Amino acid sequence: MAAGRLTDARALTDGTCRFWFPVPRVPTGQDAYLVMVADRDTRQYAEQELAGALVSPRLD
């Protein structure tokens, strides 16, 4: 399990907000990774989707 904190809040012109959230020390070599932000819906990703990429879960 790894955790991060929301940082660098930005209000966008479309009325939404953007936060960055780095998550250090995520173990590698897993079949799937579950990402949950603020106790909302959990989303599943493959390791290839997360490696060096910007992941953008959207909370409605």
PDB file of N, CA and C in Angstrom:
ATOM      1  N   MET A   1       0.850  -1.172   0.000  1.00  0.00           N
ATOM      2  CA  MET A   1       0.000   0.000   0.000  1.00  0.00           C
ATOM      3  C   MET A   1       0.893   1.230   0.000  1.00  0.00           C
ATOM      4  N   ALA A   2       0.491   2.221  -0.755  1.00  0.00           N
ATOM      5  CA  ALA A   2       1.216   3.485  -0.797  1.00  0.00           C
ATOM      6  C   ALA A   2       0.187   4.611  -0.744  1.00  0.00           C
ATOM      7  N   ALA A   3       0.600   5.750  -0.249  1.00  0.00           N
ATOM      8  CA  ALA A   3      -0.335   6.875  -0.133  1.00  0.00           C
ATOM      9  C   ALA A   3       0.362   8.159  -0.541  1.00  0.00           C
ATOM     10  N   GLY A   4      -0.427   9.111  -0.996  1.00  0.00           N
ATOM     11  CA  GLY A   4       0.085  10.427  -1.349  1.00  0.00           C
ATOM     12  C   GLY A   4      -0.852  11.489  -0.807  1.00  0.00           C
ATOM     13  N   ARG A   5      -0.447  12.728  -0.931  1.00  0.00           N
ATOM     14  CA  ARG A   5      -1.269  13.859  -0.479  1.00  0.00           C
ATOM     15  C   ARG A   5      -1.526  14.785  -1.644  1.00  0.00           C
ATOM     16  N   LEU A   6      -2.727  15.353  -1.670  1.00  0.00           N
ATOM     17  CA  LEU A   6      -3.070  16.321  -2.704  1.00  0.00           C
ATOM     18  C   LEU A   6      -2.243  17.584  -2.490  1.00  0.00           C
ATOM     19  N   THR A   7      -1.658  18.081  -3.578  1.00  0.00           N
ATOM     20  CA  THR A   7      -0.828  19.279  -3.502  1.00  0.00           C
ATOM     21  C   THR A   7      -1.138  20.187  -4.685  1.00  0.00           C
ATOM     22  N   ASP A   8      -0.624  21.390  -4.653  1.00  0.00           N
ATOM     23  CA  ASP A   8      -0.664  22.322  -5.769  1.00  0.00           C
ATOM     24  C   ASP A   8      -2.061  22.493  -6.362  1.00  0.00           C
ATOM     25  N   ALA A   9      -3.008  22.896  -5.547  1.00  0.00           N
ATOM     26  CA  ALA A   9      -4.392  23.080  -6.009  1.00  0.00           C
ATOM     27  C   ALA A   9      -4.463  24.223  -7.015  1.00  0.00           C
ATOM     28  N   ARG A  10      -5.200  23.998  -8.088  1.00  0.00           N
ATOM     29  CA  ARG A  10      -5.397  25.020  -9.117  1.00  0.00           C
ATOM     30  C   ARG A  10      -6.853  25.061  -9.527  1.00  0.00           C
ATOM     31  N   ALA A  11      -7.433  26.252  -9.573  1.00  0.00           N
ATOM     32  CA  ALA A  11      -8.783  26.439 -10.117  1.00  0.00           C
ATOM     33  C   ALA A  11      -8.635  26.610 -11.626  1.00  0.00           C
ATOM     34  N   LEU A  12      -9.395  25.841 -12.389  1.00  0.00           N
ATOM     35  CA  LEU A  12      -9.319  25.898 -13.845  1.00  0.00           C
ATOM     36  C   LEU A  12     -10.436  26.772 -14.404  1.00  0.00           C
ATOM     37  N   THR A  13     -10.279  27.200 -15.635  1.00  0.00           N
ATOM     38  CA  THR A  13     -11.242  28.115 -16.240  1.00  0.00           C
ATOM     39  C   THR A  13     -12.608  27.484 -16.487  1.00  0.00           C
ATOM     40  N   ASP A  14     -12.681  26.155 -16.492  1.00  0.00           N
ATOM     41  CA  ASP A  14     -13.978  25.495 -16.709  1.00  0.00           C
ATOM     42  C   ASP A  14     -14.748  25.274 -15.407  1.00  0.00           C
ATOM     43  N   GLY A  15     -14.251  25.845 -14.297  1.00  0.00           N
ATOM     44  CA  GLY A  15     -14.937  25.734 -13.015  1.00  0.00           C
ATOM     45  C   GLY A  15     -14.547  24.525 -12.190  1.00  0.00           C
ATOM     46  N   THR A  16     -13.603  23.729 -12.688  1.00  0.00           N
ATOM     47  CA  THR A  16     -13.131  22.569 -11.936  1.00  0.00           C
ATOM     48  C   THR A  16     -11.815  22.910 -11.251  1.00  0.00           C
ATOM     49  N   CYS A  17     -11.311  21.972 -10.444  1.00  0.00           N
ATOM     50  CA  CYS A  17     -10.032  22.144  -9.759  1.00  0.00           C
ATOM     51  C   CYS A  17      -9.095  21.016 -10.167  1.00  0.00           C
ATOM     52  N   ARG A  18      -7.802  21.285 -10.107  1.00  0.00           N
ATOM     53  CA  ARG A  18      -6.798  20.267 -10.381  1.00  0.00           C
ATOM     54  C   ARG A  18      -5.847  20.204  -9.193  1.00  0.00           C
ATOM     55  N   PHE A  19      -5.503  18.984  -8.789  1.00  0.00           N
ATOM     56  CA  PHE A  19      -4.532  18.748  -7.725  1.00  0.00           C
ATOM     57  C   PHE A  19      -3.503  17.753  -8.235  1.00  0.00           C
ATOM     58  N   TRP A  20      -2.263  17.961  -7.879  1.00  0.00           N
ATOM     59  CA  TRP A  20      -1.231  16.953  -8.126  1.00  0.00           C
ATOM     60  C   TRP A  20      -1.165  16.068  -6.894  1.00  0.00           C
ATOM     61  N   PHE A  21      -0.845  14.793  -7.087  1.00  0.00           N
ATOM     62  CA  PHE A  21      -0.646  13.930  -5.923  1.00  0.00           C
ATOM     63  C   PHE A  21       0.406  12.875  -6.220  1.00  0.00           C
ATOM     64  N   PRO A  22       1.646  13.153  -5.851  1.00  0.00           N
ATOM     65  CA  PRO A  22       2.694  12.155  -6.010  1.00  0.00           C
ATOM     66  C   PRO A  22       2.484  11.026  -5.003  1.00  0.00           C
ATOM     67  N   VAL A  23       2.781   9.809  -5.418  1.00  0.00           N
ATOM     68  CA  VAL A  23       2.672   8.651  -4.532  1.00  0.00           C
ATOM     69  C   VAL A  23       4.014   7.914  -4.577  1.00  0.00           C
ATOM     70  N   PRO A  24       4.891   8.198  -3.608  1.00  0.00           N
ATOM     71  CA  PRO A  24       6.209   7.563  -3.600  1.00  0.00           C
ATOM     72  C   PRO A  24       6.153   6.121  -3.079  1.00  0.00           C
ATOM     73  N   ARG A  25       7.166   5.379  -3.411  1.00  0.00           N
ATOM     74  CA  ARG A  25       7.391   4.017  -2.902  1.00  0.00           C
ATOM     75  C   ARG A  25       6.262   3.046  -3.253  1.00  0.00           C
ATOM     76  N   VAL A  26       5.755   3.117  -4.461  1.00  0.00           N
ATOM     77  CA  VAL A  26       4.742   2.153  -4.904  1.00  0.00           C
ATOM     78  C   VAL A  26       5.479   0.875  -5.305  1.00  0.00           C
ATOM     79  N   PRO A  27       5.101  -0.273  -4.747  1.00  0.00           N
ATOM     80  CA  PRO A  27       5.772  -1.512  -5.112  1.00  0.00           C
ATOM     81  C   PRO A  27       5.514  -1.863  -6.579  1.00  0.00           C
ATOM     82  N   THR A  28       6.511  -2.424  -7.234  1.00  0.00           N
ATOM     83  CA  THR A  28       6.377  -2.799  -8.637  1.00  0.00           C
ATOM     84  C   THR A  28       6.098  -4.294  -8.769  1.00  0.00           C
ATOM     85  N   GLY A  29       5.735  -4.702  -9.985  1.00  0.00           N
ATOM     86  CA  GLY A  29       5.565  -6.119 -10.269  1.00  0.00           C
ATOM     87  C   GLY A  29       4.205  -6.692  -9.914  1.00  0.00           C
ATOM     88  N   GLN A  30       3.204  -5.838  -9.727  1.00  0.00           N
ATOM     89  CA  GLN A  30       1.863  -6.316  -9.393  1.00  0.00           C
ATOM     90  C   GLN A  30       1.025  -6.448 -10.653  1.00  0.00           C
ATOM     91  N   ASP A  31       0.013  -7.300 -10.622  1.00  0.00           N
ATOM     92  CA  ASP A  31      -0.873  -7.473 -11.774  1.00  0.00           C
ATOM     93  C   ASP A  31      -1.767  -6.253 -11.979  1.00  0.00           C
ATOM     94  N   ALA A  32      -2.205  -5.652 -10.897  1.00  0.00           N
ATOM     95  CA  ALA A  32      -3.108  -4.504 -10.986  1.00  0.00           C
ATOM     96  C   ALA A  32      -2.855  -3.575  -9.806  1.00  0.00           C
ATOM     97  N   TYR A  33      -3.171  -2.302 -10.019  1.00  0.00           N
ATOM     98  CA  TYR A  33      -3.046  -1.285  -8.986  1.00  0.00           C
ATOM     99  C   TYR A  33      -4.396  -0.596  -8.857  1.00  0.00           C
ATOM    100  N   LEU A  34      -4.845  -0.456  -7.631  1.00  0.00           N
ATOM    101  CA  LEU A  34      -6.115   0.231  -7.379  1.00  0.00           C
ATOM    102  C   LEU A  34      -5.807   1.631  -6.877  1.00  0.00           C
ATOM    103  N   VAL A  35      -6.463   2.617  -7.471  1.00  0.00           N
ATOM    104  CA  VAL A  35      -6.253   4.016  -7.086  1.00  0.00           C
ATOM    105  C   VAL A  35      -7.579   4.553  -6.558  1.00  0.00           C
ATOM    106  N   MET A  36      -7.531   5.079  -5.332  1.00  0.00           N
ATOM    107  CA  MET A  36      -8.717   5.666  -4.731  1.00  0.00           C
ATOM    108  C   MET A  36      -8.345   7.067  -4.244  1.00  0.00           C
ATOM    109  N   VAL A  37      -9.168   8.041  -4.577  1.00  0.00           N
ATOM    110  CA  VAL A  37      -8.949   9.417  -4.147  1.00  0.00           C
ATOM    111  C   VAL A  37     -10.150   9.840  -3.316  1.00  0.00           C
ATOM    112  N   ALA A  38      -9.878  10.268  -2.088  1.00  0.00           N
ATOM    113  CA  ALA A  38     -10.905  10.821  -1.198  1.00  0.00           C
ATOM    114  C   ALA A  38     -12.090   9.882  -0.995  1.00  0.00           C
ATOM    115  N   ASP A  39     -11.820   8.619  -0.769  1.00  0.00           N
ATOM    116  CA  ASP A  39     -12.865   7.624  -0.502  1.00  0.00           C
ATOM    117  C   ASP A  39     -13.907   7.535  -1.609  1.00  0.00           C
ATOM    118  N   ARG A  40     -13.541   7.875  -2.827  1.00  0.00           N
ATOM    119  CA  ARG A  40     -14.444   7.791  -3.975  1.00  0.00           C
ATOM    120  C   ARG A  40     -14.223   6.465  -4.693  1.00  0.00           C
ATOM    121  N   ASP A  41     -14.859   6.335  -5.842  1.00  0.00           N
ATOM    122  CA  ASP A  41     -14.744   5.106  -6.621  1.00  0.00           C
ATOM    123  C   ASP A  41     -13.289   4.720  -6.835  1.00  0.00           C
ATOM    124  N   THR A  42     -13.000   3.444  -6.660  1.00  0.00           N
ATOM    125  CA  THR A  42     -11.671   2.910  -6.897  1.00  0.00           C
ATOM    126  C   THR A  42     -11.521   2.604  -8.380  1.00  0.00           C
ATOM    127  N   ARG A  43     -10.393   2.977  -8.953  1.00  0.00           N
ATOM    128  CA  ARG A  43     -10.099   2.684 -10.355  1.00  0.00           C
ATOM    129  C   ARG A  43      -8.899   1.753 -10.424  1.00  0.00           C
ATOM    130  N   GLN A  44      -8.936   0.824 -11.366  1.00  0.00           N
ATOM    131  CA  GLN A  44      -7.868  -0.159 -11.518  1.00  0.00           C
ATOM    132  C   GLN A  44      -7.001   0.194 -12.725  1.00  0.00           C
ATOM    133  N   TYR A  45      -5.673   0.065 -12.557  1.00  0.00           N
ATOM    134  CA  TYR A  45      -4.714   0.343 -13.618  1.00  0.00           C
ATOM    135  C   TYR A  45      -3.705  -0.787 -13.695  1.00  0.00           C
ATOM    136  N   ALA A  46      -3.200  -1.033 -14.892  1.00  0.00           N
ATOM    137  CA  ALA A  46      -2.066  -1.941 -15.073  1.00  0.00           C
ATOM    138  C   ALA A  46      -0.789  -1.149 -14.815  1.00  0.00           C
ATOM    139  N   GLU A  47       0.279  -1.836 -14.444  1.00  0.00           N
ATOM    140  CA  GLU A  47       1.540  -1.152 -14.146  1.00  0.00           C
ATOM    141  C   GLU A  47       2.022  -0.318 -15.337  1.00  0.00           C
ATOM    142  N   GLN A  48       1.841  -0.808 -16.547  1.00  0.00           N
ATOM    143  CA  GLN A  48       2.276  -0.078 -17.736  1.00  0.00           C
ATOM    144  C   GLN A  48       1.551   1.259 -17.877  1.00  0.00           C
ATOM    145  N   GLU A  49       0.303   1.322 -17.422  1.00  0.00           N
ATOM    146  CA  GLU A  49      -0.458   2.573 -17.500  1.00  0.00           C
ATOM    147  C   GLU A  49       0.069   3.625 -16.538  1.00  0.00           C
ATOM    148  N   LEU A  50       0.709   3.186 -15.456  1.00  0.00           N
ATOM    149  CA  LEU A  50       1.156   4.107 -14.423  1.00  0.00           C
ATOM    150  C   LEU A  50       2.619   4.492 -14.537  1.00  0.00           C
ATOM    151  N   ALA A  51       3.412   3.693 -15.223  1.00  0.00           N
ATOM    152  CA  ALA A  51       4.860   3.913 -15.287  1.00  0.00           C
ATOM    153  C   ALA A  51       5.174   5.191 -16.063  1.00  0.00           C
ATOM    154  N   GLY A  52       5.580   6.227 -15.354  1.00  0.00           N
ATOM    155  CA  GLY A  52       5.990   7.471 -15.968  1.00  0.00           C
ATOM    156  C   GLY A  52       4.868   8.262 -16.612  1.00  0.00           C
ATOM    157  N   ALA A  53       3.636   7.906 -16.327  1.00  0.00           N
ATOM    158  CA  ALA A  53       2.511   8.567 -16.981  1.00  0.00           C
ATOM    159  C   ALA A  53       1.756   9.456 -15.996  1.00  0.00           C
ATOM    160  N   LEU A  54       1.017  10.372 -16.556  1.00  0.00           N
ATOM    161  CA  LEU A  54       0.133  11.204 -15.769  1.00  0.00           C
ATOM    162  C   LEU A  54      -1.226  10.518 -15.719  1.00  0.00           C
ATOM    163  N   VAL A  55      -1.669  10.165 -14.532  1.00  0.00           N
ATOM    164  CA  VAL A  55      -2.963   9.511 -14.349  1.00  0.00           C
ATOM    165  C   VAL A  55      -3.951  10.576 -13.899  1.00  0.00           C
ATOM    166  N   SER A  56      -5.112  10.606 -14.498  1.00  0.00           N
ATOM    167  CA  SER A  56      -6.073  11.673 -14.223  1.00  0.00           C
ATOM    168  C   SER A  56      -7.431  11.129 -13.803  1.00  0.00           C
ATOM    169  N   PRO A  57      -7.559  10.631 -12.546  1.00  0.00           N
ATOM    170  CA  PRO A  57      -8.896  10.246 -12.110  1.00  0.00           C
ATOM    171  C   PRO A  57      -9.758  11.496 -11.969  1.00  0.00           C
ATOM    172  N   ARG A  58     -10.990  11.366 -12.295  1.00  0.00           N
ATOM    173  CA  ARG A  58     -11.908  12.515 -12.226  1.00  0.00           C
ATOM    174  C   ARG A  58     -12.970  12.238 -11.162  1.00  0.00           C
ATOM    175  N   LEU A  59     -13.156  13.173 -10.253  1.00  0.00           N
ATOM    176  CA  LEU A  59     -14.169  13.055  -9.221  1.00  0.00           C
ATOM    177  C   LEU A  59     -15.346  13.938  -9.602  1.00  0.00           C
ATOM    178  N   ASP A  60     -16.521  13.361  -9.645  1.00  0.00           N
ATOM    179  CA  ASP A  60     -17.714  14.133  -9.976  1.00  0.00           C
ATOM    180  C   ASP A  60     -18.572  14.338  -8.744  1.00  0.00           C
TER     181      ASP A  60
END
